[in-house]
Amino acid sequence: MDTFDTKNATHNKDNQNTSNEKLAKISPRHPDSRLQLDWLFLYEKLPASHWRNAEYVNRTANWLNTHNGIRKRQKVLKQLSAEYQMGALNWSNYRLQVLPRIEEHVFKLHQHHSIEDKRYFPRFIQEYPQLKAGFELLERDHERLDALLNELQTLNNTLAMSTVEDNALAERLHHTLIASSDLLASHLSDEEDLVIPILGLRQD
């Protein structure tokens, strides 16, 4: 290989490395994300590693903390349900711990989705019309999640009225928690990848 070919190969390799690094930088964080790369132009400017930096944290912390609270509640519910399924938690303690937590979780998530759909998402779309399809995707997630939450609430109401142990009910509740957890994990990550850079990069 002559000098020109060597330089050309090195140049192509450098370009490929730069392209790979840029792609890694702007790729959605969740492996099951439905976000398109061209929606992540703000995320490229403010990646997740900078969201809690001093320059941005007072604009991003509230949203991030709210999402962390949602994740923690969902995780605790999954753990309690799994413990009952494995026989590590008896029926009485299962009901005692699960009933109020599901009630709170469903109420707060419905409230959170309503505020986003009616207040925040329309404002974000107005500011960044090119992200409309992304926020419409998040709104469809809300519809699917709210349906699962309604199912969870119905099962919880039945659990509250149960006077005897009902393994079938607990299993249905467990499967609904798993389904909502899987969707919620992807949704919260996708939402943050779109929303947090908007909040962090605001000048007002």
N, C-alpha and C. Protein backbone atom coordinates (compact mmCIF):
# COMPACT_ATOMS: atom_id res chain seq x y z
N MET A 1 0.85 -1.19 0.00
CA MET A 1 0.00 0.00 0.00
C MET A 1 0.89 1.24 0.00
N ASP A 2 0.65 2.18 -0.97
CA ASP A 2 1.49 3.37 -1.02
C ASP A 2 1.05 4.39 0.02
N THR A 3 1.79 5.52 0.08
CA THR A 3 1.53 6.53 1.11
C THR A 3 0.13 7.10 1.00
N PHE A 4 -0.34 7.35 -0.24
CA PHE A 4 -1.68 7.90 -0.44
C PHE A 4 -2.76 6.96 0.08
N ASP A 5 -2.62 5.67 -0.27
CA ASP A 5 -3.60 4.67 0.17
C ASP A 5 -3.62 4.56 1.69
N THR A 6 -2.42 4.62 2.29
CA THR A 6 -2.34 4.54 3.76
C THR A 6 -3.05 5.71 4.41
N LYS A 7 -2.79 6.92 3.89
CA LYS A 7 -3.44 8.11 4.44
C LYS A 7 -4.94 8.06 4.23
N ASN A 8 -5.36 7.57 3.07
CA ASN A 8 -6.79 7.48 2.77
C ASN A 8 -7.48 6.48 3.69
N ALA A 9 -6.83 5.35 3.92
CA ALA A 9 -7.40 4.33 4.82
C ALA A 9 -7.51 4.87 6.24
N THR A 10 -6.47 5.58 6.68
CA THR A 10 -6.49 6.17 8.02
C THR A 10 -7.60 7.21 8.15
N HIS A 11 -7.77 8.02 7.10
CA HIS A 11 -8.82 9.04 7.09
C HIS A 11 -10.20 8.41 7.18
N ASN A 12 -10.40 7.34 6.38
CA ASN A 12 -11.70 6.65 6.39
C ASN A 12 -11.97 6.02 7.75
N LYS A 13 -10.93 5.46 8.35
CA LYS A 13 -11.09 4.85 9.68
C LYS A 13 -11.43 5.90 10.72
N ASP A 14 -10.78 7.06 10.64
CA ASP A 14 -11.07 8.15 11.58
C ASP A 14 -12.50 8.64 11.42
N ASN A 15 -12.94 8.76 10.16
CA ASN A 15 -14.31 9.19 9.91
C ASN A 15 -15.31 8.18 10.45
N GLN A 16 -15.00 6.88 10.28
CA GLN A 16 -15.88 5.83 10.79
C GLN A 16 -15.95 5.88 12.30
N ASN A 17 -14.80 6.07 12.95
CA ASN A 17 -14.77 6.15 14.41
C ASN A 17 -15.56 7.35 14.90
N THR A 18 -15.40 8.49 14.22
CA THR A 18 -16.16 9.70 14.60
C THR A 18 -17.64 9.47 14.44
N SER A 19 -18.03 8.81 13.33
CA SER A 19 -19.44 8.52 13.08
C SER A 19 -20.00 7.60 14.16
N ASN A 20 -19.22 6.56 14.52
CA ASN A 20 -19.67 5.62 15.56
C ASN A 20 -19.81 6.30 16.91
N GLU A 21 -18.86 7.18 17.23
CA GLU A 21 -18.92 7.90 18.50
C GLU A 21 -20.14 8.82 18.54
N LYS A 22 -20.41 9.49 17.42
CA LYS A 22 -21.58 10.39 17.38
C LYS A 22 -22.87 9.60 17.51
N LEU A 23 -22.95 8.45 16.81
CA LEU A 23 -24.14 7.61 16.88
C LEU A 23 -24.36 7.11 18.30
N ALA A 24 -23.28 6.69 18.97
CA ALA A 24 -23.40 6.22 20.36
C ALA A 24 -23.86 7.35 21.27
N LYS A 25 -23.39 8.54 21.00
CA LYS A 25 -23.72 9.69 21.84
C LYS A 25 -25.20 10.03 21.77
N ILE A 26 -25.80 9.89 20.56
CA ILE A 26 -27.18 10.35 20.39
C ILE A 26 -28.19 9.20 20.37
N SER A 27 -27.72 7.96 20.52
CA SER A 27 -28.66 6.84 20.52
C SER A 27 -29.53 6.88 21.77
N PRO A 28 -30.83 6.53 21.65
CA PRO A 28 -31.69 6.44 22.83
C PRO A 28 -31.09 5.50 23.87
N ARG A 29 -31.34 5.78 25.14
CA ARG A 29 -30.71 5.00 26.21
C ARG A 29 -31.36 3.65 26.41
N HIS A 30 -32.65 3.54 26.12
CA HIS A 30 -33.35 2.28 26.37
C HIS A 30 -33.27 1.39 25.13
N PRO A 31 -32.92 0.10 25.30
CA PRO A 31 -32.76 -0.79 24.14
C PRO A 31 -34.04 -0.99 23.34
N ASP A 32 -35.20 -0.81 23.97
CA ASP A 32 -36.49 -0.98 23.28
C ASP A 32 -37.10 0.36 22.89
N SER A 33 -36.28 1.40 22.84
CA SER A 33 -36.77 2.73 22.49
C SER A 33 -37.35 2.75 21.08
N ARG A 34 -38.40 3.56 20.91
CA ARG A 34 -38.98 3.78 19.59
C ARG A 34 -38.60 5.15 19.04
N LEU A 35 -37.73 5.88 19.73
CA LEU A 35 -37.35 7.21 19.29
C LEU A 35 -36.49 7.14 18.03
N GLN A 36 -36.76 8.04 17.09
CA GLN A 36 -35.94 8.14 15.89
C GLN A 36 -34.75 9.06 16.17
N LEU A 37 -33.63 8.77 15.54
CA LEU A 37 -32.42 9.53 15.82
C LEU A 37 -32.56 11.01 15.49
N ASP A 38 -33.37 11.34 14.48
CA ASP A 38 -33.48 12.75 14.13
C ASP A 38 -34.34 13.53 15.13
N TRP A 39 -34.94 12.84 16.09
CA TRP A 39 -35.65 13.54 17.18
C TRP A 39 -34.70 13.91 18.31
N LEU A 40 -33.47 13.44 18.26
CA LEU A 40 -32.55 13.57 19.39
C LEU A 40 -31.52 14.68 19.19
N PHE A 41 -31.86 15.68 18.40
CA PHE A 41 -30.91 16.77 18.16
C PHE A 41 -30.64 17.58 19.42
N LEU A 42 -31.61 17.68 20.33
CA LEU A 42 -31.38 18.38 21.59
C LEU A 42 -30.62 17.48 22.57
N TYR A 43 -30.94 16.19 22.55
CA TYR A 43 -30.21 15.24 23.39
C TYR A 43 -28.73 15.21 23.03
N GLU A 44 -28.42 15.42 21.76
CA GLU A 44 -27.02 15.47 21.34
C GLU A 44 -26.31 16.66 22.00
N LYS A 45 -27.03 17.77 22.17
CA LYS A 45 -26.46 18.94 22.81
C LYS A 45 -26.38 18.77 24.33
N LEU A 46 -27.35 18.05 24.89
CA LEU A 46 -27.37 17.86 26.35
C LEU A 46 -27.63 16.38 26.65
N PRO A 47 -26.59 15.54 26.60
CA PRO A 47 -26.76 14.11 26.87
C PRO A 47 -27.02 13.85 28.35
N ALA A 48 -27.43 12.64 28.65
CA ALA A 48 -27.84 12.28 30.01
C ALA A 48 -26.74 12.50 31.04
N SER A 49 -25.50 12.36 30.64
CA SER A 49 -24.39 12.52 31.58
C SER A 49 -24.29 13.94 32.15
N HIS A 50 -24.97 14.91 31.52
CA HIS A 50 -24.90 16.31 31.95
C HIS A 50 -26.18 16.80 32.63
N TRP A 51 -27.20 15.94 32.71
CA TRP A 51 -28.51 16.42 33.16
C TRP A 51 -28.52 16.96 34.58
N ARG A 52 -27.66 16.43 35.42
CA ARG A 52 -27.63 16.89 36.81
C ARG A 52 -26.41 17.77 37.11
N ASN A 53 -25.75 18.22 36.06
CA ASN A 53 -24.66 19.18 36.26
C ASN A 53 -25.22 20.48 36.83
N ALA A 54 -24.39 21.22 37.54
CA ALA A 54 -24.83 22.44 38.23
C ALA A 54 -25.51 23.43 37.29
N GLU A 55 -25.07 23.46 36.04
CA GLU A 55 -25.62 24.42 35.08
C GLU A 55 -27.07 24.13 34.72
N TYR A 56 -27.50 22.86 34.85
CA TYR A 56 -28.82 22.46 34.38
C TYR A 56 -29.75 21.93 35.47
N VAL A 57 -29.20 21.52 36.60
CA VAL A 57 -29.96 20.71 37.55
C VAL A 57 -31.21 21.40 38.09
N ASN A 58 -31.17 22.72 38.26
CA ASN A 58 -32.36 23.37 38.81
C ASN A 58 -33.52 23.39 37.80
N ARG A 59 -33.24 23.09 36.52
CA ARG A 59 -34.31 23.02 35.53
C ARG A 59 -34.71 21.58 35.21
N THR A 60 -33.85 20.63 35.53
CA THR A 60 -34.12 19.23 35.18
C THR A 60 -34.51 18.36 36.37
N ALA A 61 -34.13 18.77 37.57
CA ALA A 61 -34.24 17.88 38.74
C ALA A 61 -35.68 17.49 39.05
N ASN A 62 -36.62 18.41 38.93
CA ASN A 62 -38.00 18.11 39.31
C ASN A 62 -38.57 16.97 38.46
N TRP A 63 -38.36 17.04 37.15
CA TRP A 63 -38.87 15.99 36.25
C TRP A 63 -38.16 14.67 36.52
N LEU A 64 -36.84 14.73 36.66
CA LEU A 64 -36.08 13.50 36.91
C LEU A 64 -36.45 12.87 38.25
N ASN A 65 -36.64 13.69 39.27
CA ASN A 65 -37.00 13.16 40.59
C ASN A 65 -38.39 12.55 40.57
N THR A 66 -39.31 13.16 39.83
CA THR A 66 -40.66 12.60 39.70
C THR A 66 -40.59 11.22 39.05
N HIS A 67 -39.80 11.10 38.00
CA HIS A 67 -39.65 9.80 37.32
C HIS A 67 -38.97 8.78 38.21
N ASN A 68 -37.99 9.20 38.98
CA ASN A 68 -37.33 8.27 39.90
C ASN A 68 -38.31 7.76 40.95
N GLY A 69 -39.20 8.63 41.41
CA GLY A 69 -40.24 8.21 42.35
C GLY A 69 -41.16 7.17 41.74
N ILE A 70 -41.53 7.36 40.47
CA ILE A 70 -42.38 6.40 39.77
C ILE A 70 -41.66 5.05 39.66
N ARG A 71 -40.40 5.08 39.28
CA ARG A 71 -39.64 3.84 39.14
C ARG A 71 -39.53 3.10 40.48
N LYS A 72 -39.29 3.84 41.55
CA LYS A 72 -39.16 3.21 42.86
C LYS A 72 -40.46 2.55 43.30
N ARG A 73 -41.58 3.25 43.11
CA ARG A 73 -42.88 2.66 43.49
C ARG A 73 -43.16 1.40 42.68
N GLN A 74 -42.88 1.45 41.39
CA GLN A 74 -43.11 0.29 40.53
C GLN A 74 -42.21 -0.88 40.96
N LYS A 75 -40.97 -0.58 41.28
CA LYS A 75 -40.02 -1.62 41.69
C LYS A 75 -40.47 -2.30 42.98
N VAL A 76 -40.90 -1.51 43.95
CA VAL A 76 -41.35 -2.07 45.22
C VAL A 76 -42.57 -2.96 45.02
N LEU A 77 -43.51 -2.53 44.18
CA LEU A 77 -44.70 -3.33 43.91
C LEU A 77 -44.34 -4.65 43.24
N LYS A 78 -43.43 -4.61 42.28
CA LYS A 78 -42.99 -5.84 41.63
C LYS A 78 -42.31 -6.79 42.62
N GLN A 79 -41.50 -6.23 43.51
CA GLN A 79 -40.80 -7.06 44.50
C GLN A 79 -41.79 -7.72 45.45
N LEU A 80 -42.75 -6.95 45.95
CA LEU A 80 -43.74 -7.50 46.87
C LEU A 80 -44.57 -8.59 46.20
N SER A 81 -44.97 -8.33 44.96
CA SER A 81 -45.76 -9.31 44.22
C SER A 81 -44.95 -10.57 43.96
N ALA A 82 -43.68 -10.41 43.59
CA ALA A 82 -42.82 -11.57 43.35
C ALA A 82 -42.59 -12.37 44.63
N GLU A 83 -42.45 -11.68 45.75
CA GLU A 83 -42.25 -12.37 47.02
C GLU A 83 -43.46 -13.23 47.38
N TYR A 84 -44.65 -12.70 47.11
CA TYR A 84 -45.86 -13.50 47.38
C TYR A 84 -45.90 -14.71 46.45
N GLN A 85 -45.58 -14.49 45.15
CA GLN A 85 -45.60 -15.58 44.18
C GLN A 85 -44.61 -16.69 44.57
N MET A 86 -43.50 -16.33 45.21
CA MET A 86 -42.49 -17.31 45.60
C MET A 86 -42.76 -17.90 46.98
N GLY A 87 -43.79 -17.41 47.67
CA GLY A 87 -44.12 -17.93 48.99
C GLY A 87 -43.36 -17.28 50.12
N ALA A 88 -42.65 -16.19 49.82
CA ALA A 88 -41.87 -15.52 50.86
C ALA A 88 -42.70 -14.50 51.63
N LEU A 89 -43.92 -14.25 51.20
CA LEU A 89 -44.82 -13.29 51.85
C LEU A 89 -46.18 -13.93 51.98
N ASN A 90 -46.76 -13.92 53.18
CA ASN A 90 -48.08 -14.53 53.34
C ASN A 90 -49.18 -13.59 52.84
N TRP A 91 -50.37 -14.12 52.71
CA TRP A 91 -51.50 -13.39 52.12
C TRP A 91 -51.82 -12.12 52.88
N SER A 92 -51.83 -12.19 54.18
CA SER A 92 -52.18 -11.03 55.00
C SER A 92 -51.19 -9.88 54.81
N ASN A 93 -49.90 -10.20 54.89
CA ASN A 93 -48.88 -9.17 54.71
C ASN A 93 -48.84 -8.65 53.27
N TYR A 94 -49.08 -9.53 52.33
CA TYR A 94 -49.15 -9.14 50.91
C TYR A 94 -50.23 -8.08 50.71
N ARG A 95 -51.44 -8.37 51.19
CA ARG A 95 -52.54 -7.41 51.04
C ARG A 95 -52.23 -6.10 51.77
N LEU A 96 -51.71 -6.21 52.97
CA LEU A 96 -51.42 -5.04 53.79
C LEU A 96 -50.44 -4.09 53.10
N GLN A 97 -49.45 -4.66 52.42
CA GLN A 97 -48.42 -3.83 51.80
C GLN A 97 -48.77 -3.40 50.38
N VAL A 98 -49.47 -4.24 49.65
CA VAL A 98 -49.75 -3.95 48.24
C VAL A 98 -50.91 -2.98 48.06
N LEU A 99 -51.98 -3.16 48.82
CA LEU A 99 -53.21 -2.38 48.60
C LEU A 99 -52.96 -0.86 48.60
N PRO A 100 -52.37 -0.27 49.63
CA PRO A 100 -52.20 1.19 49.62
C PRO A 100 -51.18 1.65 48.59
N ARG A 101 -50.20 0.82 48.31
CA ARG A 101 -49.16 1.21 47.34
C ARG A 101 -49.72 1.28 45.92
N ILE A 102 -50.55 0.31 45.55
CA ILE A 102 -51.17 0.35 44.22
C ILE A 102 -52.08 1.55 44.12
N GLU A 103 -52.85 1.81 45.15
CA GLU A 103 -53.76 2.96 45.16
C GLU A 103 -52.98 4.26 44.90
N GLU A 104 -51.89 4.44 45.61
CA GLU A 104 -51.07 5.65 45.44
C GLU A 104 -50.43 5.69 44.07
N HIS A 105 -49.87 4.57 43.63
CA HIS A 105 -49.16 4.50 42.37
C HIS A 105 -50.08 4.84 41.19
N VAL A 106 -51.25 4.24 41.17
CA VAL A 106 -52.20 4.47 40.08
C VAL A 106 -52.64 5.93 40.07
N PHE A 107 -52.99 6.46 41.23
CA PHE A 107 -53.44 7.86 41.31
C PHE A 107 -52.36 8.82 40.81
N LYS A 108 -51.13 8.65 41.28
CA LYS A 108 -50.06 9.59 40.93
C LYS A 108 -49.67 9.48 39.46
N LEU A 109 -49.70 8.27 38.90
CA LEU A 109 -49.35 8.12 37.49
C LEU A 109 -50.43 8.72 36.59
N HIS A 110 -51.69 8.47 36.90
CA HIS A 110 -52.77 9.10 36.12
C HIS A 110 -52.64 10.62 36.17
N GLN A 111 -52.38 11.15 37.34
CA GLN A 111 -52.22 12.59 37.51
C GLN A 111 -51.04 13.11 36.68
N HIS A 112 -49.94 12.39 36.74
CA HIS A 112 -48.73 12.78 36.01
C HIS A 112 -48.99 12.79 34.50
N HIS A 113 -49.64 11.75 33.98
CA HIS A 113 -49.92 11.68 32.55
C HIS A 113 -50.86 12.80 32.12
N SER A 114 -51.86 13.08 32.93
CA SER A 114 -52.82 14.13 32.59
C SER A 114 -52.15 15.49 32.47
N ILE A 115 -51.27 15.81 33.41
CA ILE A 115 -50.56 17.09 33.38
C ILE A 115 -49.67 17.18 32.15
N GLU A 116 -48.99 16.10 31.84
CA GLU A 116 -48.11 16.10 30.67
C GLU A 116 -48.91 16.29 29.38
N ASP A 117 -49.99 15.51 29.23
CA ASP A 117 -50.78 15.57 27.99
C ASP A 117 -51.46 16.91 27.79
N LYS A 118 -51.95 17.50 28.87
CA LYS A 118 -52.73 18.73 28.74
C LYS A 118 -51.90 20.01 28.83
N ARG A 119 -50.78 19.95 29.53
CA ARG A 119 -50.02 21.16 29.79
C ARG A 119 -48.65 21.18 29.11
N TYR A 120 -47.85 20.17 29.38
CA TYR A 120 -46.45 20.23 28.95
C TYR A 120 -46.24 19.83 27.49
N PHE A 121 -46.79 18.70 27.08
CA PHE A 121 -46.52 18.23 25.73
C PHE A 121 -46.98 19.23 24.66
N PRO A 122 -48.17 19.82 24.77
CA PRO A 122 -48.55 20.83 23.76
C PRO A 122 -47.58 22.01 23.72
N ARG A 123 -47.08 22.40 24.88
CA ARG A 123 -46.11 23.50 24.92
C ARG A 123 -44.81 23.11 24.24
N PHE A 124 -44.35 21.88 24.49
CA PHE A 124 -43.10 21.42 23.88
C PHE A 124 -43.25 21.32 22.36
N ILE A 125 -44.41 20.84 21.89
CA ILE A 125 -44.66 20.72 20.46
C ILE A 125 -44.67 22.10 19.81
N GLN A 126 -45.24 23.07 20.51
CA GLN A 126 -45.27 24.44 19.99
C GLN A 126 -43.84 24.99 19.85
N GLU A 127 -42.99 24.67 20.82
CA GLU A 127 -41.61 25.14 20.79
C GLU A 127 -40.78 24.40 19.74
N TYR A 128 -41.04 23.09 19.59
CA TYR A 128 -40.26 22.25 18.68
C TYR A 128 -41.21 21.40 17.83
N PRO A 129 -41.81 21.99 16.79
CA PRO A 129 -42.77 21.25 15.95
C PRO A 129 -42.19 19.97 15.34
N GLN A 130 -40.87 19.94 15.15
CA GLN A 130 -40.23 18.77 14.55
C GLN A 130 -40.26 17.56 15.49
N LEU A 131 -40.63 17.79 16.74
CA LEU A 131 -40.73 16.70 17.72
C LEU A 131 -42.18 16.23 17.93
N LYS A 132 -43.09 16.71 17.13
CA LYS A 132 -44.51 16.37 17.31
C LYS A 132 -44.74 14.86 17.29
N ALA A 133 -44.13 14.18 16.32
CA ALA A 133 -44.32 12.72 16.23
C ALA A 133 -43.80 12.01 17.47
N GLY A 134 -42.72 12.53 18.04
CA GLY A 134 -42.18 11.94 19.27
C GLY A 134 -43.13 12.08 20.44
N PHE A 135 -43.72 13.25 20.59
CA PHE A 135 -44.65 13.45 21.70
C PHE A 135 -45.97 12.73 21.46
N GLU A 136 -46.36 12.56 20.22
CA GLU A 136 -47.55 11.75 19.93
C GLU A 136 -47.30 10.30 20.32
N LEU A 137 -46.08 9.81 20.11
CA LEU A 137 -45.72 8.46 20.54
C LEU A 137 -45.85 8.34 22.06
N LEU A 138 -45.36 9.35 22.79
CA LEU A 138 -45.46 9.34 24.25
C LEU A 138 -46.92 9.37 24.71
N GLU A 139 -47.76 10.13 24.00
CA GLU A 139 -49.18 10.18 24.36
C GLU A 139 -49.85 8.84 24.13
N ARG A 140 -49.45 8.13 23.08
CA ARG A 140 -50.00 6.78 22.86
C ARG A 140 -49.55 5.84 23.96
N ASP A 141 -48.32 6.00 24.42
CA ASP A 141 -47.85 5.23 25.57
C ASP A 141 -48.74 5.48 26.77
N HIS A 142 -49.10 6.75 27.00
CA HIS A 142 -49.97 7.09 28.12
C HIS A 142 -51.29 6.35 28.03
N GLU A 143 -51.85 6.26 26.84
CA GLU A 143 -53.13 5.56 26.66
C GLU A 143 -52.98 4.09 27.04
N ARG A 144 -51.90 3.47 26.58
CA ARG A 144 -51.66 2.05 26.90
C ARG A 144 -51.39 1.86 28.39
N LEU A 145 -50.58 2.76 28.96
CA LEU A 145 -50.28 2.67 30.39
C LEU A 145 -51.51 2.91 31.24
N ASP A 146 -52.33 3.88 30.85
CA ASP A 146 -53.53 4.18 31.63
C ASP A 146 -54.50 3.00 31.60
N ALA A 147 -54.57 2.29 30.49
CA ALA A 147 -55.42 1.09 30.42
C ALA A 147 -54.90 0.02 31.38
N LEU A 148 -53.58 -0.16 31.43
CA LEU A 148 -53.00 -1.12 32.37
C LEU A 148 -53.20 -0.68 33.81
N LEU A 149 -53.10 0.62 34.06
CA LEU A 149 -53.32 1.14 35.41
C LEU A 149 -54.77 0.95 35.84
N ASN A 150 -55.70 1.13 34.91
CA ASN A 150 -57.11 0.91 35.23
C ASN A 150 -57.36 -0.56 35.57
N GLU A 151 -56.70 -1.45 34.81
CA GLU A 151 -56.81 -2.88 35.11
C GLU A 151 -56.22 -3.18 36.49
N LEU A 152 -55.09 -2.56 36.77
CA LEU A 152 -54.44 -2.74 38.07
C LEU A 152 -55.34 -2.25 39.21
N GLN A 153 -56.00 -1.12 39.00
CA GLN A 153 -56.90 -0.58 40.02
C GLN A 153 -58.09 -1.50 40.24
N THR A 154 -58.62 -2.04 39.15
CA THR A 154 -59.75 -2.97 39.27
C THR A 154 -59.36 -4.21 40.06
N LEU A 155 -58.19 -4.75 39.76
CA LEU A 155 -57.71 -5.92 40.50
C LEU A 155 -57.45 -5.57 41.96
N ASN A 156 -56.94 -4.38 42.20
CA ASN A 156 -56.69 -3.94 43.58
C ASN A 156 -57.99 -3.80 44.36
N ASN A 157 -59.02 -3.30 43.69
CA ASN A 157 -60.33 -3.18 44.35
C ASN A 157 -60.87 -4.56 44.73
N THR A 158 -60.67 -5.52 43.83
CA THR A 158 -61.11 -6.89 44.12
C THR A 158 -60.30 -7.47 45.28
N LEU A 159 -58.99 -7.18 45.27
CA LEU A 159 -58.13 -7.64 46.36
C LEU A 159 -58.58 -7.06 47.70
N ALA A 160 -58.99 -5.81 47.69
CA ALA A 160 -59.43 -5.15 48.93
C ALA A 160 -60.67 -5.82 49.50
N MET A 161 -61.51 -6.39 48.64
CA MET A 161 -62.76 -7.02 49.09
C MET A 161 -62.62 -8.51 49.36
N SER A 162 -61.45 -9.07 49.04
CA SER A 162 -61.25 -10.51 49.21
C SER A 162 -61.14 -10.86 50.69
N THR A 163 -61.92 -11.83 51.10
CA THR A 163 -61.90 -12.27 52.50
C THR A 163 -61.09 -13.55 52.68
N VAL A 164 -60.80 -14.21 51.56
CA VAL A 164 -59.99 -15.43 51.61
C VAL A 164 -58.87 -15.31 50.58
N GLU A 165 -57.84 -16.10 50.78
CA GLU A 165 -56.69 -16.05 49.86
C GLU A 165 -57.11 -16.43 48.45
N ASP A 166 -56.65 -15.64 47.49
CA ASP A 166 -57.03 -15.85 46.09
C ASP A 166 -55.75 -15.81 45.24
N ASN A 167 -55.18 -16.98 45.01
CA ASN A 167 -53.93 -17.05 44.26
C ASN A 167 -54.09 -16.62 42.81
N ALA A 168 -55.23 -16.93 42.22
CA ALA A 168 -55.46 -16.55 40.82
C ALA A 168 -55.50 -15.04 40.67
N LEU A 169 -56.14 -14.36 41.62
CA LEU A 169 -56.19 -12.90 41.60
C LEU A 169 -54.79 -12.30 41.74
N ALA A 170 -54.03 -12.84 42.67
CA ALA A 170 -52.67 -12.34 42.88
C ALA A 170 -51.80 -12.57 41.64
N GLU A 171 -52.01 -13.67 40.95
CA GLU A 171 -51.24 -13.94 39.74
C GLU A 171 -51.60 -12.98 38.62
N ARG A 172 -52.90 -12.69 38.47
CA ARG A 172 -53.32 -11.71 37.46
C ARG A 172 -52.74 -10.34 37.78
N LEU A 173 -52.77 -9.98 39.03
CA LEU A 173 -52.20 -8.69 39.44
C LEU A 173 -50.70 -8.66 39.14
N HIS A 174 -50.02 -9.77 39.39
CA HIS A 174 -48.59 -9.84 39.14
C HIS A 174 -48.28 -9.65 37.65
N HIS A 175 -49.03 -10.32 36.79
CA HIS A 175 -48.80 -10.21 35.35
C HIS A 175 -49.07 -8.78 34.86
N THR A 176 -50.06 -8.14 35.44
CA THR A 176 -50.36 -6.75 35.05
C THR A 176 -49.24 -5.82 35.49
N LEU A 177 -48.69 -6.07 36.66
CA LEU A 177 -47.55 -5.27 37.13
C LEU A 177 -46.34 -5.45 36.21
N ILE A 178 -46.09 -6.67 35.78
CA ILE A 178 -44.97 -6.94 34.88
C ILE A 178 -45.17 -6.21 33.55
N ALA A 179 -46.39 -6.31 33.00
CA ALA A 179 -46.68 -5.66 31.72
C ALA A 179 -46.52 -4.15 31.81
N SER A 180 -47.03 -3.56 32.88
CA SER A 180 -46.92 -2.12 33.04
C SER A 180 -45.48 -1.70 33.29
N SER A 181 -44.70 -2.53 33.98
CA SER A 181 -43.30 -2.22 34.26
C SER A 181 -42.47 -2.19 32.99
N ASP A 182 -42.70 -3.16 32.11
CA ASP A 182 -41.94 -3.23 30.87
C ASP A 182 -42.19 -2.00 30.00
N LEU A 183 -43.46 -1.63 29.86
CA LEU A 183 -43.80 -0.46 29.06
C LEU A 183 -43.32 0.82 29.73
N LEU A 184 -43.49 0.88 31.05
CA LEU A 184 -43.10 2.08 31.79
C LEU A 184 -41.61 2.36 31.69
N ALA A 185 -40.80 1.31 31.75
CA ALA A 185 -39.34 1.49 31.67
C ALA A 185 -38.94 2.15 30.36
N SER A 186 -39.48 1.66 29.26
CA SER A 186 -39.17 2.23 27.95
C SER A 186 -39.74 3.64 27.83
N HIS A 187 -40.95 3.82 28.30
CA HIS A 187 -41.62 5.12 28.17
C HIS A 187 -40.89 6.22 28.94
N LEU A 188 -40.54 5.96 30.19
CA LEU A 188 -39.88 6.99 31.00
C LEU A 188 -38.54 7.38 30.40
N SER A 189 -37.81 6.40 29.91
CA SER A 189 -36.52 6.69 29.29
C SER A 189 -36.69 7.52 28.02
N ASP A 190 -37.64 7.12 27.16
CA ASP A 190 -37.89 7.87 25.93
C ASP A 190 -38.34 9.30 26.25
N GLU A 191 -39.21 9.42 27.22
CA GLU A 191 -39.71 10.75 27.59
C GLU A 191 -38.57 11.64 28.07
N GLU A 192 -37.70 11.09 28.89
CA GLU A 192 -36.57 11.88 29.40
C GLU A 192 -35.64 12.30 28.26
N ASP A 193 -35.40 11.39 27.31
CA ASP A 193 -34.49 11.72 26.20
C ASP A 193 -35.02 12.89 25.37
N LEU A 194 -36.35 13.04 25.30
CA LEU A 194 -36.93 14.17 24.58
C LEU A 194 -37.08 15.40 25.46
N VAL A 195 -37.57 15.22 26.68
CA VAL A 195 -37.99 16.34 27.51
C VAL A 195 -36.84 17.01 28.27
N ILE A 196 -35.97 16.22 28.88
CA ILE A 196 -34.95 16.81 29.76
C ILE A 196 -34.04 17.79 29.01
N PRO A 197 -33.60 17.48 27.78
CA PRO A 197 -32.81 18.49 27.08
C PRO A 197 -33.58 19.78 26.81
N ILE A 198 -34.88 19.68 26.55
CA ILE A 198 -35.69 20.89 26.35
C ILE A 198 -35.63 21.75 27.61
N LEU A 199 -35.85 21.10 28.74
CA LEU A 199 -35.86 21.84 30.01
C LEU A 199 -34.48 22.41 30.33
N GLY A 200 -33.46 21.58 30.16
CA GLY A 200 -32.11 22.00 30.55
C GLY A 200 -31.54 23.13 29.70
N LEU A 201 -31.91 23.14 28.41
CA LEU A 201 -31.34 24.12 27.49
C LEU A 201 -32.12 25.42 27.42
N ARG A 202 -33.22 25.49 28.17
CA ARG A 202 -34.00 26.74 28.17
C ARG A 202 -33.18 27.88 28.77
N GLN A 203 -33.41 29.05 28.23
CA GLN A 203 -32.68 30.23 28.70
C GLN A 203 -33.51 31.06 29.67
N ASP A 204 -34.82 30.80 29.77
CA ASP A 204 -35.67 31.61 30.67
C ASP A 204 -35.61 31.10 32.09
